[in-house]
Amino acid sequence: MTATNVGIREQLILKRDKTRLAIKMNNCGAQERCALCGEWTYPGVGPELFLADSWEAVCHTCGEDIAPELMAGLRAAKRASQED
């Protein structure tokens, strides 16, 4: 692992430690990059995971790493929205 890779990894860990997430009702499903890791994510219409202070999507993998309890709430919200 190069020094540059270590720096990027440390920055990502620091970013994750300071990140606040929120479940928001998404009104359009579109493919976009996760605001934290940069991997492609596919937020659907309905409850989805975003940065708390913006509409930047966060993938479920990052969500599980940062806030597993929030992800449990997201799964419940998705189930409830499908029952409507």
PDB file of N, CA and C in Angstrom:
ATOM      1  N   MET A   1       0.850  -1.177   0.000  1.00  0.00           N
ATOM      2  CA  MET A   1       0.000   0.000   0.000  1.00  0.00           C
ATOM      3  C   MET A   1       0.894   1.239   0.000  1.00  0.00           C
ATOM      4  N   THR A   2       0.604   2.168  -0.870  1.00  0.00           N
ATOM      5  CA  THR A   2       1.430   3.368  -0.964  1.00  0.00           C
ATOM      6  C   THR A   2       1.001   4.401   0.072  1.00  0.00           C
ATOM      7  N   ALA A   3       1.844   5.380   0.282  1.00  0.00           N
ATOM      8  CA  ALA A   3       1.526   6.455   1.222  1.00  0.00           C
ATOM      9  C   ALA A   3       0.265   7.198   0.790  1.00  0.00           C
ATOM     10  N   THR A   4       0.079   7.356  -0.509  1.00  0.00           N
ATOM     11  CA  THR A   4      -1.108   8.041  -1.012  1.00  0.00           C
ATOM     12  C   THR A   4      -2.365   7.257  -0.668  1.00  0.00           C
ATOM     13  N   ASN A   5      -2.325   5.938  -0.847  1.00  0.00           N
ATOM     14  CA  ASN A   5      -3.488   5.111  -0.514  1.00  0.00           C
ATOM     15  C   ASN A   5      -3.814   5.181   0.969  1.00  0.00           C
ATOM     16  N   VAL A   6      -2.809   5.185   1.808  1.00  0.00           N
ATOM     17  CA  VAL A   6      -3.045   5.279   3.250  1.00  0.00           C
ATOM     18  C   VAL A   6      -3.707   6.605   3.560  1.00  0.00           C
ATOM     19  N   GLY A   7      -3.237   7.679   2.951  1.00  0.00           N
ATOM     20  CA  GLY A   7      -3.830   8.991   3.186  1.00  0.00           C
ATOM     21  C   GLY A   7      -5.291   9.046   2.785  1.00  0.00           C
ATOM     22  N   ILE A   8      -5.619   8.481   1.641  1.00  0.00           N
ATOM     23  CA  ILE A   8      -6.999   8.466   1.179  1.00  0.00           C
ATOM     24  C   ILE A   8      -7.857   7.637   2.129  1.00  0.00           C
ATOM     25  N   ARG A   9      -7.349   6.492   2.546  1.00  0.00           N
ATOM     26  CA  ARG A   9      -8.100   5.629   3.475  1.00  0.00           C
ATOM     27  C   ARG A   9      -8.344   6.352   4.786  1.00  0.00           C
ATOM     28  N   GLU A  10      -7.328   7.020   5.322  1.00  0.00           N
ATOM     29  CA  GLU A  10      -7.487   7.764   6.572  1.00  0.00           C
ATOM     30  C   GLU A  10      -8.494   8.897   6.414  1.00  0.00           C
ATOM     31  N   GLN A  11      -8.495   9.555   5.258  1.00  0.00           N
ATOM     32  CA  GLN A  11      -9.454  10.628   5.011  1.00  0.00           C
ATOM     33  C   GLN A  11     -10.874  10.084   4.986  1.00  0.00           C
ATOM     34  N   LEU A  12     -11.054   8.919   4.367  1.00  0.00           N
ATOM     35  CA  LEU A  12     -12.380   8.311   4.301  1.00  0.00           C
ATOM     36  C   LEU A  12     -12.860   7.927   5.691  1.00  0.00           C
ATOM     37  N   ILE A  13     -11.985   7.368   6.519  1.00  0.00           N
ATOM     38  CA  ILE A  13     -12.363   7.013   7.891  1.00  0.00           C
ATOM     39  C   ILE A  13     -12.748   8.261   8.668  1.00  0.00           C
ATOM     40  N   LEU A  14     -11.966   9.318   8.543  1.00  0.00           N
ATOM     41  CA  LEU A  14     -12.266  10.570   9.239  1.00  0.00           C
ATOM     42  C   LEU A  14     -13.593  11.134   8.753  1.00  0.00           C
ATOM     43  N   LYS A  15     -13.821  11.098   7.448  1.00  0.00           N
ATOM     44  CA  LYS A  15     -15.066  11.605   6.886  1.00  0.00           C
ATOM     45  C   LYS A  15     -16.249  10.820   7.440  1.00  0.00           C
ATOM     46  N   ARG A  16     -16.107   9.511   7.509  1.00  0.00           N
ATOM     47  CA  ARG A  16     -17.186   8.672   8.028  1.00  0.00           C
ATOM     48  C   ARG A  16     -17.449   8.955   9.504  1.00  0.00           C
ATOM     49  N   ASP A  17     -16.403   9.200  10.283  1.00  0.00           N
ATOM     50  CA  ASP A  17     -16.575   9.453  11.707  1.00  0.00           C
ATOM     51  C   ASP A  17     -17.359  10.732  11.974  1.00  0.00           C
ATOM     52  N   LYS A  18     -17.264  11.707  11.085  1.00  0.00           N
ATOM     53  CA  LYS A  18     -17.925  12.993  11.282  1.00  0.00           C
ATOM     54  C   LYS A  18     -19.234  13.118  10.510  1.00  0.00           C
ATOM     55  N   THR A  19     -19.652  12.074   9.849  1.00  0.00           N
ATOM     56  CA  THR A  19     -20.799  12.140   8.954  1.00  0.00           C
ATOM     57  C   THR A  19     -22.103  11.910   9.692  1.00  0.00           C
ATOM     58  N   ARG A  20     -23.059  12.756   9.380  1.00  0.00           N
ATOM     59  CA  ARG A  20     -24.425  12.578   9.886  1.00  0.00           C
ATOM     60  C   ARG A  20     -25.294  12.137   8.721  1.00  0.00           C
ATOM     61  N   LEU A  21     -26.047  11.079   8.924  1.00  0.00           N
ATOM     62  CA  LEU A  21     -26.908  10.521   7.890  1.00  0.00           C
ATOM     63  C   LEU A  21     -28.368  10.731   8.253  1.00  0.00           C
ATOM     64  N   ALA A  22     -29.228  10.664   7.253  1.00  0.00           N
ATOM     65  CA  ALA A  22     -30.666  10.811   7.486  1.00  0.00           C
ATOM     66  C   ALA A  22     -31.433   9.961   6.488  1.00  0.00           C
ATOM     67  N   ILE A  23     -32.588   9.489   6.922  1.00  0.00           N
ATOM     68  CA  ILE A  23     -33.532   8.834   6.025  1.00  0.00           C
ATOM     69  C   ILE A  23     -34.438   9.933   5.489  1.00  0.00           C
ATOM     70  N   LYS A  24     -34.511  10.027   4.174  1.00  0.00           N
ATOM     71  CA  LYS A  24     -35.359  11.038   3.537  1.00  0.00           C
ATOM     72  C   LYS A  24     -36.221  10.364   2.484  1.00  0.00           C
ATOM     73  N   MET A  25     -37.370  10.953   2.224  1.00  0.00           N
ATOM     74  CA  MET A  25     -38.253  10.439   1.181  1.00  0.00           C
ATOM     75  C   MET A  25     -37.737  10.927  -0.165  1.00  0.00           C
ATOM     76  N   ASN A  26     -37.256   9.994  -0.956  1.00  0.00           N
ATOM     77  CA  ASN A  26     -36.689  10.292  -2.261  1.00  0.00           C
ATOM     78  C   ASN A  26     -37.814  10.276  -3.300  1.00  0.00           C
ATOM     79  N   ASN A  27     -37.863  11.297  -4.153  1.00  0.00           N
ATOM     80  CA  ASN A  27     -38.941  11.345  -5.138  1.00  0.00           C
ATOM     81  C   ASN A  27     -38.502  10.938  -6.538  1.00  0.00           C
ATOM     82  N   CYS A  28     -37.225  10.585  -6.712  1.00  0.00           N
ATOM     83  CA  CYS A  28     -36.800  10.076  -8.021  1.00  0.00           C
ATOM     84  C   CYS A  28     -35.659   9.087  -7.832  1.00  0.00           C
ATOM     85  N   GLY A  29     -35.816   7.924  -8.409  1.00  0.00           N
ATOM     86  CA  GLY A  29     -34.772   6.912  -8.330  1.00  0.00           C
ATOM     87  C   GLY A  29     -33.781   7.114  -9.467  1.00  0.00           C
ATOM     88  N   ALA A  30     -32.512   7.207  -9.140  1.00  0.00           N
ATOM     89  CA  ALA A  30     -31.482   7.403 -10.165  1.00  0.00           C
ATOM     90  C   ALA A  30     -30.160   6.843  -9.662  1.00  0.00           C
ATOM     91  N   GLN A  31     -29.369   6.355 -10.560  1.00  0.00           N
ATOM     92  CA  GLN A  31     -28.041   5.846 -10.214  1.00  0.00           C
ATOM     93  C   GLN A  31     -27.129   7.032  -9.923  1.00  0.00           C
ATOM     94  N   GLU A  32     -26.403   6.971  -8.819  1.00  0.00           N
ATOM     95  CA  GLU A  32     -25.437   8.016  -8.506  1.00  0.00           C
ATOM     96  C   GLU A  32     -24.335   7.447  -7.626  1.00  0.00           C
ATOM     97  N   ARG A  33     -23.302   8.216  -7.434  1.00  0.00           N
ATOM     98  CA  ARG A  33     -22.177   7.790  -6.602  1.00  0.00           C
ATOM     99  C   ARG A  33     -22.486   8.046  -5.132  1.00  0.00           C
ATOM    100  N   CYS A  34     -22.068   7.117  -4.284  1.00  0.00           N
ATOM    101  CA  CYS A  34     -22.199   7.296  -2.840  1.00  0.00           C
ATOM    102  C   CYS A  34     -21.367   8.510  -2.436  1.00  0.00           C
ATOM    103  N   ALA A  35     -21.935   9.362  -1.608  1.00  0.00           N
ATOM    104  CA  ALA A  35     -21.243  10.571  -1.157  1.00  0.00           C
ATOM    105  C   ALA A  35     -20.025  10.254  -0.296  1.00  0.00           C
ATOM    106  N   LEU A  36     -19.937   9.041   0.236  1.00  0.00           N
ATOM    107  CA  LEU A  36     -18.832   8.690   1.134  1.00  0.00           C
ATOM    108  C   LEU A  36     -17.743   7.873   0.457  1.00  0.00           C
ATOM    109  N   CYS A  37     -18.125   6.809  -0.226  1.00  0.00           N
ATOM    110  CA  CYS A  37     -17.100   5.916  -0.782  1.00  0.00           C
ATOM    111  C   CYS A  37     -16.924   6.051  -2.287  1.00  0.00           C
ATOM    112  N   GLY A  38     -17.878   6.666  -2.962  1.00  0.00           N
ATOM    113  CA  GLY A  38     -17.776   6.851  -4.400  1.00  0.00           C
ATOM    114  C   GLY A  38     -18.264   5.681  -5.237  1.00  0.00           C
ATOM    115  N   GLU A  39     -18.681   4.594  -4.599  1.00  0.00           N
ATOM    116  CA  GLU A  39     -19.229   3.452  -5.344  1.00  0.00           C
ATOM    117  C   GLU A  39     -20.617   3.817  -5.870  1.00  0.00           C
ATOM    118  N   TRP A  40     -21.033   3.160  -6.941  1.00  0.00           N
ATOM    119  CA  TRP A  40     -22.358   3.412  -7.481  1.00  0.00           C
ATOM    120  C   TRP A  40     -23.418   2.908  -6.516  1.00  0.00           C
ATOM    121  N   THR A  41     -24.471   3.683  -6.363  1.00  0.00           N
ATOM    122  CA  THR A  41     -25.609   3.298  -5.539  1.00  0.00           C
ATOM    123  C   THR A  41     -26.874   3.603  -6.325  1.00  0.00           C
ATOM    124  N   TYR A  42     -27.944   2.951  -5.986  1.00  0.00           N
ATOM    125  CA  TYR A  42     -29.181   3.042  -6.750  1.00  0.00           C
ATOM    126  C   TYR A  42     -30.351   3.383  -5.824  1.00  0.00           C
ATOM    127  N   PRO A  43     -30.382   4.596  -5.299  1.00  0.00           N
ATOM    128  CA  PRO A  43     -31.490   4.942  -4.395  1.00  0.00           C
ATOM    129  C   PRO A  43     -32.813   4.921  -5.149  1.00  0.00           C
ATOM    130  N   GLY A  44     -33.772   4.246  -4.574  1.00  0.00           N
ATOM    131  CA  GLY A  44     -35.079   4.146  -5.204  1.00  0.00           C
ATOM    132  C   GLY A  44     -36.011   5.245  -4.725  1.00  0.00           C
ATOM    133  N   VAL A  45     -37.200   5.259  -5.295  1.00  0.00           N
ATOM    134  CA  VAL A  45     -38.229   6.188  -4.855  1.00  0.00           C
ATOM    135  C   VAL A  45     -38.744   5.702  -3.504  1.00  0.00           C
ATOM    136  N   GLY A  46     -38.931   6.619  -2.586  1.00  0.00           N
ATOM    137  CA  GLY A  46     -39.373   6.280  -1.241  1.00  0.00           C
ATOM    138  C   GLY A  46     -38.250   6.546  -0.250  1.00  0.00           C
ATOM    139  N   PRO A  47     -38.312   5.937   0.915  1.00  0.00           N
ATOM    140  CA  PRO A  47     -37.296   6.202   1.936  1.00  0.00           C
ATOM    141  C   PRO A  47     -35.923   5.711   1.491  1.00  0.00           C
ATOM    142  N   GLU A  48     -34.935   6.579   1.618  1.00  0.00           N
ATOM    143  CA  GLU A  48     -33.558   6.245   1.243  1.00  0.00           C
ATOM    144  C   GLU A  48     -32.590   6.969   2.159  1.00  0.00           C
ATOM    145  N   LEU A  49     -31.336   6.605   2.060  1.00  0.00           N
ATOM    146  CA  LEU A  49     -30.293   7.136   2.930  1.00  0.00           C
ATOM    147  C   LEU A  49     -29.515   8.246   2.227  1.00  0.00           C
ATOM    148  N   PHE A  50     -29.372   9.378   2.928  1.00  0.00           N
ATOM    149  CA  PHE A  50     -28.672  10.544   2.387  1.00  0.00           C
ATOM    150  C   PHE A  50     -27.823  11.179   3.481  1.00  0.00           C
ATOM    151  N   LEU A  51     -26.894  12.041   3.064  1.00  0.00           N
ATOM    152  CA  LEU A  51     -26.228  12.894   4.040  1.00  0.00           C
ATOM    153  C   LEU A  51     -27.300  13.770   4.665  1.00  0.00           C
ATOM    154  N   ALA A  52     -27.187  14.028   5.958  1.00  0.00           N
ATOM    155  CA  ALA A  52     -28.232  14.754   6.676  1.00  0.00           C
ATOM    156  C   ALA A  52     -28.442  16.164   6.144  1.00  0.00           C
ATOM    157  N   ASP A  53     -27.375  16.811   5.698  1.00  0.00           N
ATOM    158  CA  ASP A  53     -27.493  18.216   5.300  1.00  0.00           C
ATOM    159  C   ASP A  53     -27.565  18.427   3.792  1.00  0.00           C
ATOM    160  N   SER A  54     -27.839  17.351   3.037  1.00  0.00           N
ATOM    161  CA  SER A  54     -27.942  17.487   1.576  1.00  0.00           C
ATOM    162  C   SER A  54     -28.763  16.331   1.022  1.00  0.00           C
ATOM    163  N   TRP A  55     -28.856  16.294  -0.299  1.00  0.00           N
ATOM    164  CA  TRP A  55     -29.529  15.188  -0.982  1.00  0.00           C
ATOM    165  C   TRP A  55     -28.517  14.274  -1.650  1.00  0.00           C
ATOM    166  N   GLU A  56     -27.292  14.231  -1.132  1.00  0.00           N
ATOM    167  CA  GLU A  56     -26.282  13.317  -1.658  1.00  0.00           C
ATOM    168  C   GLU A  56     -26.552  11.929  -1.092  1.00  0.00           C
ATOM    169  N   ALA A  57     -26.730  10.963  -1.976  1.00  0.00           N
ATOM    170  CA  ALA A  57     -27.065   9.599  -1.574  1.00  0.00           C
ATOM    171  C   ALA A  57     -25.873   8.914  -0.909  1.00  0.00           C
ATOM    172  N   VAL A  58     -26.193   7.990  -0.004  1.00  0.00           N
ATOM    173  CA  VAL A  58     -25.189   7.173   0.684  1.00  0.00           C
ATOM    174  C   VAL A  58     -25.565   5.718   0.461  1.00  0.00           C
ATOM    175  N   CYS A  59     -24.599   4.903   0.046  1.00  0.00           N
ATOM    176  CA  CYS A  59     -24.883   3.486  -0.201  1.00  0.00           C
ATOM    177  C   CYS A  59     -25.179   2.766   1.112  1.00  0.00           C
ATOM    178  N   HIS A  60     -25.843   1.652   0.993  1.00  0.00           N
ATOM    179  CA  HIS A  60     -26.227   0.897   2.191  1.00  0.00           C
ATOM    180  C   HIS A  60     -25.027   0.281   2.898  1.00  0.00           C
ATOM    181  N   THR A  61     -23.961   0.004   2.172  1.00  0.00           N
ATOM    182  CA  THR A  61     -22.749  -0.524   2.809  1.00  0.00           C
ATOM    183  C   THR A  61     -22.163   0.521   3.765  1.00  0.00           C
ATOM    184  N   CYS A  62     -22.035   1.751   3.297  1.00  0.00           N
ATOM    185  CA  CYS A  62     -21.533   2.828   4.174  1.00  0.00           C
ATOM    186  C   CYS A  62     -22.513   3.074   5.318  1.00  0.00           C
ATOM    187  N   GLY A  63     -23.798   3.011   5.010  1.00  0.00           N
ATOM    188  CA  GLY A  63     -24.806   3.192   6.055  1.00  0.00           C
ATOM    189  C   GLY A  63     -24.667   2.164   7.159  1.00  0.00           C
ATOM    190  N   GLU A  64     -24.449   0.903   6.782  1.00  0.00           N
ATOM    191  CA  GLU A  64     -24.256  -0.152   7.787  1.00  0.00           C
ATOM    192  C   GLU A  64     -22.994   0.086   8.606  1.00  0.00           C
ATOM    193  N   ASP A  65     -21.934   0.584   7.959  1.00  0.00           N
ATOM    194  CA  ASP A  65     -20.678   0.855   8.667  1.00  0.00           C
ATOM    195  C   ASP A  65     -20.827   1.996   9.666  1.00  0.00           C
ATOM    196  N   ILE A  66     -21.538   3.032   9.280  1.00  0.00           N
ATOM    197  CA  ILE A  66     -21.617   4.255  10.086  1.00  0.00           C
ATOM    198  C   ILE A  66     -22.755   4.207  11.094  1.00  0.00           C
ATOM    199  N   ALA A  67     -23.924   3.751  10.651  1.00  0.00           N
ATOM    200  CA  ALA A  67     -25.113   3.829  11.504  1.00  0.00           C
ATOM    201  C   ALA A  67     -26.013   2.613  11.297  1.00  0.00           C
ATOM    202  N   PRO A  68     -25.606   1.463  11.832  1.00  0.00           N
ATOM    203  CA  PRO A  68     -26.428   0.258  11.634  1.00  0.00           C
ATOM    204  C   PRO A  68     -27.842   0.402  12.183  1.00  0.00           C
ATOM    205  N   GLU A  69     -28.010   1.163  13.251  1.00  0.00           N
ATOM    206  CA  GLU A  69     -29.351   1.354  13.813  1.00  0.00           C
ATOM    207  C   GLU A  69     -30.227   2.168  12.865  1.00  0.00           C
ATOM    208  N   LEU A  70     -29.646   3.125  12.163  1.00  0.00           N
ATOM    209  CA  LEU A  70     -30.392   3.896  11.174  1.00  0.00           C
ATOM    210  C   LEU A  70     -30.776   3.012   9.989  1.00  0.00           C
ATOM    211  N   MET A  71     -29.891   2.102   9.602  1.00  0.00           N
ATOM    212  CA  MET A  71     -30.189   1.179   8.509  1.00  0.00           C
ATOM    213  C   MET A  71     -31.343   0.249   8.883  1.00  0.00           C
ATOM    214  N   ALA A  72     -31.424  -0.149  10.147  1.00  0.00           N
ATOM    215  CA  ALA A  72     -32.563  -0.958  10.593  1.00  0.00           C
ATOM    216  C   ALA A  72     -33.854  -0.152  10.438  1.00  0.00           C
ATOM    217  N   GLY A  73     -33.793   1.121  10.771  1.00  0.00           N
ATOM    218  CA  GLY A  73     -34.946   2.003  10.589  1.00  0.00           C
ATOM    219  C   GLY A  73     -35.299   2.168   9.117  1.00  0.00           C
ATOM    220  N   LEU A  74     -34.286   2.245   8.265  1.00  0.00           N
ATOM    221  CA  LEU A  74     -34.528   2.372   6.822  1.00  0.00           C
ATOM    222  C   LEU A  74     -35.214   1.118   6.288  1.00  0.00           C
ATOM    223  N   ARG A  75     -34.755  -0.039   6.710  1.00  0.00           N
ATOM    224  CA  ARG A  75     -35.395  -1.291   6.259  1.00  0.00           C
ATOM    225  C   ARG A  75     -36.865  -1.325   6.692  1.00  0.00           C
ATOM    226  N   ALA A  76     -37.141  -0.901   7.926  1.00  0.00           N
ATOM    227  CA  ALA A  76     -38.524  -0.861   8.410  1.00  0.00           C
ATOM    228  C   ALA A  76     -39.357   0.149   7.623  1.00  0.00           C
ATOM    229  N   ALA A  77     -38.779   1.305   7.325  1.00  0.00           N
ATOM    230  CA  ALA A  77     -39.495   2.320   6.554  1.00  0.00           C
ATOM    231  C   ALA A  77     -39.785   1.827   5.147  1.00  0.00           C
ATOM    232  N   LYS A  78     -38.855   1.111   4.535  1.00  0.00           N
ATOM    233  CA  LYS A  78     -39.061   0.573   3.197  1.00  0.00           C
ATOM    234  C   LYS A  78     -40.195  -0.464   3.213  1.00  0.00           C
ATOM    235  N   ARG A  79     -40.203  -1.327   4.232  1.00  0.00           N
ATOM    236  CA  ARG A  79     -41.273  -2.325   4.345  1.00  0.00           C
ATOM    237  C   ARG A  79     -42.617  -1.630   4.501  1.00  0.00           C
ATOM    238  N   ALA A  80     -42.675  -0.612   5.349  1.00  0.00           N
ATOM    239  CA  ALA A  80     -43.922   0.106   5.588  1.00  0.00           C
ATOM    240  C   ALA A  80     -44.407   0.814   4.323  1.00  0.00           C
ATOM    241  N   SER A  81     -43.493   1.393   3.569  1.00  0.00           N
ATOM    242  CA  SER A  81     -43.900   2.102   2.348  1.00  0.00           C
ATOM    243  C   SER A  81     -44.385   1.143   1.277  1.00  0.00           C
ATOM    244  N   GLN A  82     -43.899  -0.096   1.293  1.00  0.00           N
ATOM    245  CA  GLN A  82     -44.347  -1.100   0.318  1.00  0.00           C
ATOM    246  C   GLN A  82     -45.723  -1.632   0.672  1.00  0.00           C
ATOM    247  N   GLU A  83     -46.106  -1.538   1.945  1.00  0.00           N
ATOM    248  CA  GLU A  83     -47.400  -2.034   2.384  1.00  0.00           C
ATOM    249  C   GLU A  83     -48.518  -1.052   2.068  1.00  0.00           C
ATOM    250  N   ASP A  84     -48.175   0.215   1.820  1.00  0.00           N
ATOM    251  CA  ASP A  84     -49.205   1.235   1.526  1.00  0.00           C
ATOM    252  C   ASP A  84     -49.916   0.979   0.237  1.00  0.00           C
TER     253      ASP A  84
END
